[in-house]
PDB file of N, CA and C in Angstrom:
ATOM      1  N   UNK A   1       8.923-161.438  90.047  1.00  0.00           N
ATOM      2  CA  UNK A   1       9.246-160.493  91.094  1.00  0.00           C
ATOM      3  C   UNK A   1       8.776-159.071  90.748  1.00  0.00           C
ATOM      4  N   UNK A   2       8.657-158.738  89.446  1.00  0.00           N
ATOM      5  CA  UNK A   2       8.224-157.398  89.048  1.00  0.00           C
ATOM      6  C   UNK A   2       6.802-157.109  89.518  1.00  0.00           C
ATOM      7  N   UNK A   3       5.821-158.007  89.293  1.00  0.00           N
ATOM      8  CA  UNK A   3       4.471-157.719  89.804  1.00  0.00           C
ATOM      9  C   UNK A   3       4.434-157.527  91.321  1.00  0.00           C
ATOM     10  N   UNK A   4       5.242-158.289  92.033  1.00  0.00           N
ATOM     11  CA  UNK A   4       5.299-158.146  93.487  1.00  0.00           C
ATOM     12  C   UNK A   4       5.838-156.763  93.874  1.00  0.00           C
ATOM     13  N   UNK A   5       6.893-156.307  93.194  1.00  0.00           N
ATOM     14  CA  UNK A   5       7.455-154.991  93.491  1.00  0.00           C
ATOM     15  C   UNK A   5       6.478-153.878  93.147  1.00  0.00           C
ATOM     16  N   UNK A   6       5.741-154.041  92.046  1.00  0.00           N
ATOM     17  CA  UNK A   6       4.742-153.025  91.670  1.00  0.00           C
ATOM     18  C   UNK A   6       3.626-152.972  92.700  1.00  0.00           C
ATOM     19  N   UNK A   7       3.218-154.147  93.186  1.00  0.00           N
ATOM     20  CA  UNK A   7       2.175-154.195  94.213  1.00  0.00           C
ATOM     21  C   UNK A   7       2.664-153.552  95.507  1.00  0.00           C
ATOM     22  N   UNK A   8       3.928-153.741  95.804  1.00  0.00           N
ATOM     23  CA  UNK A   8       4.507-153.208  97.025  1.00  0.00           C
ATOM     24  C   UNK A   8       4.774-151.702  96.917  1.00  0.00           C
ATOM     25  N   UNK A   9       5.204-151.249  95.735  1.00  0.00           N
ATOM     26  CA  UNK A   9       5.565-149.851  95.510  1.00  0.00           C
ATOM     27  C   UNK A   9       4.864-149.324  94.263  1.00  0.00           C
ATOM     28  N   UNK A  10       3.570-148.974  94.342  1.00  0.00           N
ATOM     29  CA  UNK A  10       2.841-148.546  93.138  1.00  0.00           C
ATOM     30  C   UNK A  10       3.349-147.239  92.537  1.00  0.00           C
ATOM     31  N   UNK A  11       4.000-146.382  93.318  1.00  0.00           N
ATOM     32  CA  UNK A  11       4.513-145.126  92.776  1.00  0.00           C
ATOM     33  C   UNK A  11       5.610-145.367  91.745  1.00  0.00           C
ATOM     34  N   UNK A  12       6.312-146.502  91.843  1.00  0.00           N
ATOM     35  CA  UNK A  12       7.357-146.824  90.869  1.00  0.00           C
ATOM     36  C   UNK A  12       6.738-147.016  89.483  1.00  0.00           C
ATOM     37  N   UNK A  13       5.588-147.656  89.426  1.00  0.00           N
ATOM     38  CA  UNK A  13       4.915-147.867  88.143  1.00  0.00           C
ATOM     39  C   UNK A  13       4.547-146.546  87.492  1.00  0.00           C
ATOM     40  N   UNK A  14       4.006-145.611  88.264  1.00  0.00           N
ATOM     41  CA  UNK A  14       3.625-144.322  87.674  1.00  0.00           C
ATOM     42  C   UNK A  14       4.847-143.552  87.184  1.00  0.00           C
ATOM     43  N   UNK A  15       5.956-143.672  87.875  1.00  0.00           N
ATOM     44  CA  UNK A  15       7.176-142.993  87.428  1.00  0.00           C
ATOM     45  C   UNK A  15       7.646-143.536  86.080  1.00  0.00           C
ATOM     46  N   UNK A  16       7.574-144.838  85.891  1.00  0.00           N
ATOM     47  CA  UNK A  16       8.081-145.420  84.652  1.00  0.00           C
ATOM     48  C   UNK A  16       7.072-145.379  83.515  1.00  0.00           C
ATOM     49  N   UNK A  17       5.806-145.278  83.807  1.00  0.00           N
ATOM     50  CA  UNK A  17       4.799-145.161  82.745  1.00  0.00           C
ATOM     51  C   UNK A  17       4.796-143.748  82.190  1.00  0.00           C
ATOM     52  N   UNK A  18       4.794-142.744  83.059  1.00  0.00           N
ATOM     53  CA  UNK A  18       4.671-141.363  82.613  1.00  0.00           C
ATOM     54  C   UNK A  18       6.022-140.662  82.425  1.00  0.00           C
ATOM     55  N   UNK A  19       7.072-141.174  83.034  1.00  0.00           N
ATOM     56  CA  UNK A  19       8.412-140.592  82.911  1.00  0.00           C
ATOM     57  C   UNK A  19       8.422-139.091  83.194  1.00  0.00           C
ATOM     58  N   UNK A  20       7.633-138.669  84.178  1.00  0.00           N
ATOM     59  CA  UNK A  20       7.538-137.242  84.470  1.00  0.00           C
ATOM     60  C   UNK A  20       8.755-136.691  85.200  1.00  0.00           C
ATOM     61  N   UNK A  21       9.739-137.510  85.498  1.00  0.00           N
ATOM     62  CA  UNK A  21      10.965-137.016  86.106  1.00  0.00           C
ATOM     63  C   UNK A  21      11.979-136.582  85.037  1.00  0.00           C
ATOM     64  N   UNK A  22      11.677-136.847  83.773  1.00  0.00           N
ATOM     65  CA  UNK A  22      12.542-136.404  82.683  1.00  0.00           C
ATOM     66  C   UNK A  22      12.052-135.084  82.118  1.00  0.00           C
ATOM     67  N   UNK A  23      12.960-134.182  81.869  1.00  0.00           N
ATOM     68  CA  UNK A  23      12.621-132.908  81.237  1.00  0.00           C
ATOM     69  C   UNK A  23      13.311-132.859  79.879  1.00  0.00           C
ATOM     70  N   UNK A  24      12.520-132.737  78.831  1.00  0.00           N
ATOM     71  CA  UNK A  24      13.084-132.687  77.486  1.00  0.00           C
ATOM     72  C   UNK A  24      12.625-131.421  76.804  1.00  0.00           C
ATOM     73  N   UNK A  25      13.436-130.697  76.129  1.00  0.00           N
ATOM     74  CA  UNK A  25      14.849-130.924  75.852  1.00  0.00           C
ATOM     75  C   UNK A  25      15.695-130.720  77.101  1.00  0.00           C
ATOM     76  N   UNK A  26      16.794-131.426  77.147  1.00  0.00           N
ATOM     77  CA  UNK A  26      17.660-131.412  78.316  1.00  0.00           C
ATOM     78  C   UNK A  26      18.365-130.060  78.468  1.00  0.00           C
ATOM     79  N   UNK A  27      18.603-129.656  79.706  1.00  0.00           N
ATOM     80  CA  UNK A  27      19.372-128.457  80.063  1.00  0.00           C
ATOM     81  C   UNK A  27      18.779-127.176  79.484  1.00  0.00           C
ATOM     82  N   UNK A  28      17.460-127.099  79.410  1.00  0.00           N
ATOM     83  CA  UNK A  28      16.786-125.899  78.920  1.00  0.00           C
ATOM     84  C   UNK A  28      15.877-125.401  80.038  1.00  0.00           C
ATOM     85  N   UNK A  29      15.912-124.099  80.295  1.00  0.00           N
ATOM     86  CA  UNK A  29      15.056-123.496  81.309  1.00  0.00           C
ATOM     87  C   UNK A  29      13.693-123.219  80.678  1.00  0.00           C
ATOM     88  N   UNK A  30      12.715-124.071  80.953  1.00  0.00           N
ATOM     89  CA  UNK A  30      11.389-123.944  80.339  1.00  0.00           C
ATOM     90  C   UNK A  30      10.589-122.783  80.910  1.00  0.00           C
ATOM     91  N   UNK A  31      11.098-122.131  81.954  1.00  0.00           N
ATOM     92  CA  UNK A  31      10.435-120.936  82.477  1.00  0.00           C
ATOM     93  C   UNK A  31      10.759-119.713  81.627  1.00  0.00           C
ATOM     94  N   UNK A  32      11.702-119.850  80.698  1.00  0.00           N
ATOM     95  CA  UNK A  32      12.101-118.761  79.806  1.00  0.00           C
ATOM     96  C   UNK A  32      11.824-119.161  78.363  1.00  0.00           C
ATOM     97  N   UNK A  33      10.572-119.223  77.948  1.00  0.00           N
ATOM     98  CA  UNK A  33      10.249-119.717  76.602  1.00  0.00           C
ATOM     99  C   UNK A  33      10.748-118.816  75.485  1.00  0.00           C
ATOM    100  N   UNK A  34      11.004-117.552  75.783  1.00  0.00           N
ATOM    101  CA  UNK A  34      11.478-116.645  74.739  1.00  0.00           C
ATOM    102  C   UNK A  34      12.829-117.085  74.187  1.00  0.00           C
ATOM    103  N   UNK A  35      13.549-117.919  74.936  1.00  0.00           N
ATOM    104  CA  UNK A  35      14.812-118.452  74.438  1.00  0.00           C
ATOM    105  C   UNK A  35      14.593-119.575  73.429  1.00  0.00           C
ATOM    106  N   UNK A  36      13.406-120.195  73.450  1.00  0.00           N
ATOM    107  CA  UNK A  36      13.091-121.308  72.555  1.00  0.00           C
ATOM    108  C   UNK A  36      12.159-120.899  71.415  1.00  0.00           C
ATOM    109  N   UNK A  37      11.171-120.082  71.741  1.00  0.00           N
ATOM    110  CA  UNK A  37      10.120-119.731  70.781  1.00  0.00           C
ATOM    111  C   UNK A  37       9.995-118.217  70.662  1.00  0.00           C
ATOM    112  N   UNK A  38       9.806-117.747  69.460  1.00  0.00           N
ATOM    113  CA  UNK A  38       9.593-116.311  69.255  1.00  0.00           C
ATOM    114  C   UNK A  38       8.213-115.905  69.761  1.00  0.00           C
ATOM    115  N   UNK A  39       8.105-114.689  70.275  1.00  0.00           N
ATOM    116  CA  UNK A  39       6.826-114.087  70.674  1.00  0.00           C
ATOM    117  C   UNK A  39       6.094-114.905  71.736  1.00  0.00           C
ATOM    118  N   UNK A  40       6.831-115.415  72.717  1.00  0.00           N
ATOM    119  CA  UNK A  40       6.251-116.261  73.755  1.00  0.00           C
ATOM    120  C   UNK A  40       6.699-115.780  75.127  1.00  0.00           C
ATOM    121  N   UNK A  41       5.765-115.762  76.086  1.00  0.00           N
ATOM    122  CA  UNK A  41       6.092-115.450  77.480  1.00  0.00           C
ATOM    123  C   UNK A  41       5.478-116.514  78.383  1.00  0.00           C
ATOM    124  N   UNK A  42       6.024-116.619  79.573  1.00  0.00           N
ATOM    125  CA  UNK A  42       5.531-117.557  80.571  1.00  0.00           C
ATOM    126  C   UNK A  42       4.635-116.810  81.543  1.00  0.00           C
ATOM    127  N   UNK A  43       3.424-117.302  81.750  1.00  0.00           N
ATOM    128  CA  UNK A  43       2.471-116.718  82.688  1.00  0.00           C
ATOM    129  C   UNK A  43       2.044-117.789  83.686  1.00  0.00           C
ATOM    130  N   UNK A  44       1.484-117.367  84.808  1.00  0.00           N
ATOM    131  CA  UNK A  44       1.017-118.303  85.833  1.00  0.00           C
ATOM    132  C   UNK A  44      -0.409-117.936  86.226  1.00  0.00           C
ATOM    133  N   UNK A  45      -1.277-118.935  86.290  1.00  0.00           N
ATOM    134  CA  UNK A  45      -2.670-118.755  86.689  1.00  0.00           C
ATOM    135  C   UNK A  45      -2.919-119.506  87.992  1.00  0.00           C
ATOM    136  N   UNK A  46      -3.625-118.872  88.906  1.00  0.00           N
ATOM    137  CA  UNK A  46      -4.046-119.557  90.126  1.00  0.00           C
ATOM    138  C   UNK A  46      -5.470-120.034  89.900  1.00  0.00           C
ATOM    139  N   UNK A  47      -5.626-121.344  89.789  1.00  0.00           N
ATOM    140  CA  UNK A  47      -6.933-121.914  89.473  1.00  0.00           C
ATOM    141  C   UNK A  47      -7.806-122.109  90.711  1.00  0.00           C
ATOM    142  N   UNK A  48      -7.179-122.396  91.831  1.00  0.00           N
ATOM    143  CA  UNK A  48      -7.863-122.526  93.108  1.00  0.00           C
ATOM    144  C   UNK A  48      -6.799-122.335  94.187  1.00  0.00           C
ATOM    145  N   UNK A  49      -7.189-122.129  95.422  1.00  0.00           N
ATOM    146  CA  UNK A  49      -6.182-121.895  96.463  1.00  0.00           C
ATOM    147  C   UNK A  49      -5.162-123.037  96.524  1.00  0.00           C
ATOM    148  N   UNK A  50      -3.902-122.667  96.413  1.00  0.00           N
ATOM    149  CA  UNK A  50      -2.834-123.654  96.494  1.00  0.00           C
ATOM    150  C   UNK A  50      -2.474-124.325  95.181  1.00  0.00           C
ATOM    151  N   UNK A  51      -3.177-123.996  94.092  1.00  0.00           N
ATOM    152  CA  UNK A  51      -2.899-124.615  92.791  1.00  0.00           C
ATOM    153  C   UNK A  51      -2.569-123.525  91.779  1.00  0.00           C
ATOM    154  N   UNK A  52      -1.342-123.552  91.287  1.00  0.00           N
ATOM    155  CA  UNK A  52      -0.910-122.604  90.277  1.00  0.00           C
ATOM    156  C   UNK A  52      -0.514-123.365  89.022  1.00  0.00           C
ATOM    157  N   UNK A  53      -0.996-122.903  87.890  1.00  0.00           N
ATOM    158  CA  UNK A  53      -0.730-123.550  86.607  1.00  0.00           C
ATOM    159  C   UNK A  53       0.123-122.614  85.769  1.00  0.00           C
ATOM    160  N   UNK A  54       1.230-123.125  85.260  1.00  0.00           N
ATOM    161  CA  UNK A  54       2.087-122.341  84.388  1.00  0.00           C
ATOM    162  C   UNK A  54       1.630-122.488  82.944  1.00  0.00           C
ATOM    163  N   UNK A  55       1.603-121.378  82.227  1.00  0.00           N
ATOM    164  CA  UNK A  55       1.188-121.406  80.815  1.00  0.00           C
ATOM    165  C   UNK A  55       2.185-120.608  79.982  1.00  0.00           C
ATOM    166  N   UNK A  56       2.212-120.916  78.711  1.00  0.00           N
ATOM    167  CA  UNK A  56       2.942-120.106  77.755  1.00  0.00           C
ATOM    168  C   UNK A  56       1.929-119.413  76.875  1.00  0.00           C
ATOM    169  N   UNK A  57       2.130-118.145  76.642  1.00  0.00           N
ATOM    170  CA  UNK A  57       1.275-117.410  75.707  1.00  0.00           C
ATOM    171  C   UNK A  57       2.128-117.062  74.501  1.00  0.00           C
ATOM    172  N   UNK A  58       1.735-117.588  73.344  1.00  0.00           N
ATOM    173  CA  UNK A  58       2.428-117.330  72.087  1.00  0.00           C
ATOM    174  C   UNK A  58       1.473-116.595  71.170  1.00  0.00           C
ATOM    175  N   UNK A  59       1.887-115.448  70.681  1.00  0.00           N
ATOM    176  CA  UNK A  59       1.049-114.721  69.726  1.00  0.00           C
ATOM    177  C   UNK A  59       1.334-115.265  68.331  1.00  0.00           C
ATOM    178  N   UNK A  60       0.358-115.202  67.430  1.00  0.00           N
ATOM    179  CA  UNK A  60       0.565-115.724  66.080  1.00  0.00           C
ATOM    180  C   UNK A  60       1.633-114.932  65.324  1.00  0.00           C
ATOM    181  N   UNK A  61       2.172-115.558  64.304  1.00  0.00           N
ATOM    182  CA  UNK A  61       3.209-114.928  63.508  1.00  0.00           C
ATOM    183  C   UNK A  61       2.787-113.616  62.884  1.00  0.00           C
ATOM    184  N   UNK A  62       1.491-113.477  62.590  1.00  0.00           N
ATOM    185  CA  UNK A  62       0.993-112.240  61.987  1.00  0.00           C
ATOM    186  C   UNK A  62       1.123-111.051  62.939  1.00  0.00           C
ATOM    187  N   UNK A  63       1.216-111.311  64.243  1.00  0.00           N
ATOM    188  CA  UNK A  63       1.391-110.235  65.235  1.00  0.00           C
ATOM    189  C   UNK A  63       2.807-110.218  65.793  1.00  0.00           C
ATOM    190  N   UNK A  64       3.696-110.980  65.164  1.00  0.00           N
ATOM    191  CA  UNK A  64       5.068-111.094  65.652  1.00  0.00           C
ATOM    192  C   UNK A  64       5.799-109.772  65.690  1.00  0.00           C
ATOM    193  N   UNK A  65       5.682-108.971  64.626  1.00  0.00           N
ATOM    194  CA  UNK A  65       6.372-107.677  64.594  1.00  0.00           C
ATOM    195  C   UNK A  65       5.842-106.760  65.688  1.00  0.00           C
ATOM    196  N   UNK A  66       4.556-106.837  65.952  1.00  0.00           N
ATOM    197  CA  UNK A  66       3.940-106.013  66.994  1.00  0.00           C
ATOM    198  C   UNK A  66       4.416-106.433  68.389  1.00  0.00           C
ATOM    199  N   UNK A  67       4.695-107.722  68.565  1.00  0.00           N
ATOM    200  CA  UNK A  67       5.076-108.252  69.872  1.00  0.00           C
ATOM    201  C   UNK A  67       6.546-108.045  70.206  1.00  0.00           C
ATOM    202  N   UNK A  68       7.366-107.693  69.249  1.00  0.00           N
ATOM    203  CA  UNK A  68       8.800-107.531  69.486  1.00  0.00           C
ATOM    204  C   UNK A  68       9.072-106.487  70.572  1.00  0.00           C
ATOM    205  N   UNK A  69       9.799-106.894  71.598  1.00  0.00           N
ATOM    206  CA  UNK A  69      10.198-105.978  72.661  1.00  0.00           C
ATOM    207  C   UNK A  69       9.126-105.644  73.674  1.00  0.00           C
ATOM    208  N   UNK A  70       7.969-106.270  73.590  1.00  0.00           N
ATOM    209  CA  UNK A  70       6.886-105.974  74.542  1.00  0.00           C
ATOM    210  C   UNK A  70       7.086-106.738  75.839  1.00  0.00           C
ATOM    211  N   UNK A  71       6.520-106.198  76.907  1.00  0.00           N
ATOM    212  CA  UNK A  71       6.627-106.835  78.204  1.00  0.00           C
ATOM    213  C   UNK A  71       5.442-107.770  78.450  1.00  0.00           C
ATOM    214  N   UNK A  72       5.448-108.377  79.618  1.00  0.00           N
ATOM    215  CA  UNK A  72       4.416-109.354  79.962  1.00  0.00           C
ATOM    216  C   UNK A  72       3.027-108.724  79.978  1.00  0.00           C
ATOM    217  N   UNK A  73       2.923-107.482  80.369  1.00  0.00           N
ATOM    218  CA  UNK A  73       1.615-106.815  80.418  1.00  0.00           C
ATOM    219  C   UNK A  73       0.971-106.754  79.030  1.00  0.00           C
ATOM    220  N   UNK A  74       1.764-106.507  77.999  1.00  0.00           N
ATOM    221  CA  UNK A  74       1.235-106.460  76.637  1.00  0.00           C
ATOM    222  C   UNK A  74       0.646-107.813  76.250  1.00  0.00           C
ATOM    223  N   UNK A  75       1.322-108.894  76.616  1.00  0.00           N
ATOM    224  CA  UNK A  75       0.823-110.235  76.302  1.00  0.00           C
ATOM    225  C   UNK A  75      -0.483-110.514  77.047  1.00  0.00           C
ATOM    226  N   UNK A  76      -0.591-110.068  78.289  1.00  0.00           N
ATOM    227  CA  UNK A  76      -1.828-110.256  79.044  1.00  0.00           C
ATOM    228  C   UNK A  76      -2.980-109.488  78.404  1.00  0.00           C
ATOM    229  N   UNK A  77      -2.712-108.277  77.947  1.00  0.00           N
ATOM    230  CA  UNK A  77      -3.747-107.492  77.269  1.00  0.00           C
ATOM    231  C   UNK A  77      -4.120-108.105  75.924  1.00  0.00           C
ATOM    232  N   UNK A  78      -3.150-108.738  75.257  1.00  0.00           N
ATOM    233  CA  UNK A  78      -3.429-109.387  73.972  1.00  0.00           C
ATOM    234  C   UNK A  78      -4.391-110.564  74.140  1.00  0.00           C
ATOM    235  N   UNK A  79      -4.429-111.163  75.312  1.00  0.00           N
ATOM    236  CA  UNK A  79      -5.380-112.254  75.561  1.00  0.00           C
ATOM    237  C   UNK A  79      -6.818-111.756  75.599  1.00  0.00           C
ATOM    238  N   UNK A  80      -6.999-110.478  75.910  1.00  0.00           N
ATOM    239  CA  UNK A  80      -8.350-109.930  76.070  1.00  0.00           C
ATOM    240  C   UNK A  80      -8.903-109.313  74.791  1.00  0.00           C
ATOM    241  N   UNK A  81      -8.138-109.311  73.706  1.00  0.00           N
ATOM    242  CA  UNK A  81      -8.664-108.686  72.484  1.00  0.00           C
ATOM    243  C   UNK A  81      -9.566-109.670  71.727  1.00  0.00           C
ATOM    244  N   UNK A  82      -9.993-109.305  70.550  1.00  0.00           N
ATOM    245  CA  UNK A  82     -10.995-110.077  69.805  1.00  0.00           C
ATOM    246  C   UNK A  82     -10.424-111.303  69.093  1.00  0.00           C
ATOM    247  N   UNK A  83      -9.125-111.517  69.135  1.00  0.00           N
ATOM    248  CA  UNK A  83      -8.536-112.668  68.459  1.00  0.00           C
ATOM    249  C   UNK A  83      -8.872-113.967  69.198  1.00  0.00           C
ATOM    250  N   UNK A  84      -9.060-115.063  68.474  1.00  0.00           N
ATOM    251  CA  UNK A  84      -9.358-116.339  69.145  1.00  0.00           C
ATOM    252  C   UNK A  84      -8.146-116.858  69.921  1.00  0.00           C
ATOM    253  N   UNK A  85      -8.414-117.654  70.929  1.00  0.00           N
ATOM    254  CA  UNK A  85      -7.373-118.263  71.752  1.00  0.00           C
ATOM    255  C   UNK A  85      -7.465-119.771  71.569  1.00  0.00           C
ATOM    256  N   UNK A  86      -6.335-120.394  71.280  1.00  0.00           N
ATOM    257  CA  UNK A  86      -6.273-121.848  71.150  1.00  0.00           C
ATOM    258  C   UNK A  86      -5.545-122.383  72.373  1.00  0.00           C
ATOM    259  N   UNK A  87      -6.165-123.323  73.053  1.00  0.00           N
ATOM    260  CA  UNK A  87      -5.574-123.913  74.245  1.00  0.00           C
ATOM    261  C   UNK A  87      -5.056-125.299  73.878  1.00  0.00           C
ATOM    262  N   UNK A  88      -3.781-125.511  74.134  1.00  0.00           N
ATOM    263  CA  UNK A  88      -3.152-126.804  73.870  1.00  0.00           C
ATOM    264  C   UNK A  88      -2.774-127.422  75.205  1.00  0.00           C
ATOM    265  N   UNK A  89      -3.338-128.571  75.514  1.00  0.00           N
ATOM    266  CA  UNK A  89      -3.045-129.267  76.758  1.00  0.00           C
ATOM    267  C   UNK A  89      -2.010-130.350  76.475  1.00  0.00           C
ATOM    268  N   UNK A  90      -0.830-130.193  77.007  1.00  0.00           N
ATOM    269  CA  UNK A  90       0.300-131.042  76.637  1.00  0.00           C
ATOM    270  C   UNK A  90       0.327-132.381  77.317  1.00  0.00           C
ATOM    271  N   UNK A  91      -0.387-132.573  78.377  1.00  0.00           N
ATOM    272  CA  UNK A  91      -0.365-133.865  79.061  1.00  0.00           C
ATOM    273  C   UNK A  91       0.067-133.724  80.498  1.00  0.00           C
ATOM    274  N   UNK A  92       0.534-134.822  81.058  1.00  0.00           N
ATOM    275  CA  UNK A  92       0.836-134.843  82.490  1.00  0.00           C
ATOM    276  C   UNK A  92       2.311-135.066  82.783  1.00  0.00           C
ATOM    277  N   UNK A  93       3.184-134.649  81.909  1.00  0.00           N
ATOM    278  CA  UNK A  93       4.612-134.853  82.098  1.00  0.00           C
ATOM    279  C   UNK A  93       5.246-133.964  83.140  1.00  0.00           C
ATOM    280  N   UNK A  94       4.545-132.955  83.608  1.00  0.00           N
ATOM    281  CA  UNK A  94       5.078-132.089  84.644  1.00  0.00           C
ATOM    282  C   UNK A  94       5.917-130.943  84.133  1.00  0.00           C
ATOM    283  N   UNK A  95       6.140-130.860  82.837  1.00  0.00           N
ATOM    284  CA  UNK A  95       6.880-129.752  82.259  1.00  0.00           C
ATOM    285  C   UNK A  95       6.109-129.238  81.063  1.00  0.00           C
ATOM    286  N   UNK A  96       6.458-128.045  80.623  1.00  0.00           N
ATOM    287  CA  UNK A  96       5.832-127.515  79.440  1.00  0.00           C
ATOM    288  C   UNK A  96       6.640-127.897  78.249  1.00  0.00           C
TER     289      UNK A  96
END
């Protein structure tokens, strides 16, 4: 009966394979990364009309003292300096 149900409702298979309806860690607001990680802010990029991607920008520990108490604008300017940027793609779970 399971193959029949999967054939009838293919969205159920994607829900159970990717488990994107679960957010881990539980009861944590992932839009506020500064509560979880030091020197981190949440930014949003519009990649094309109607598509917005949320990102976290974390500065390295060597710039941690410099980042203390800075606002989002400082983090945006830090992306444009000569330091390298590492992009980590977490997958398709729907959360950061």
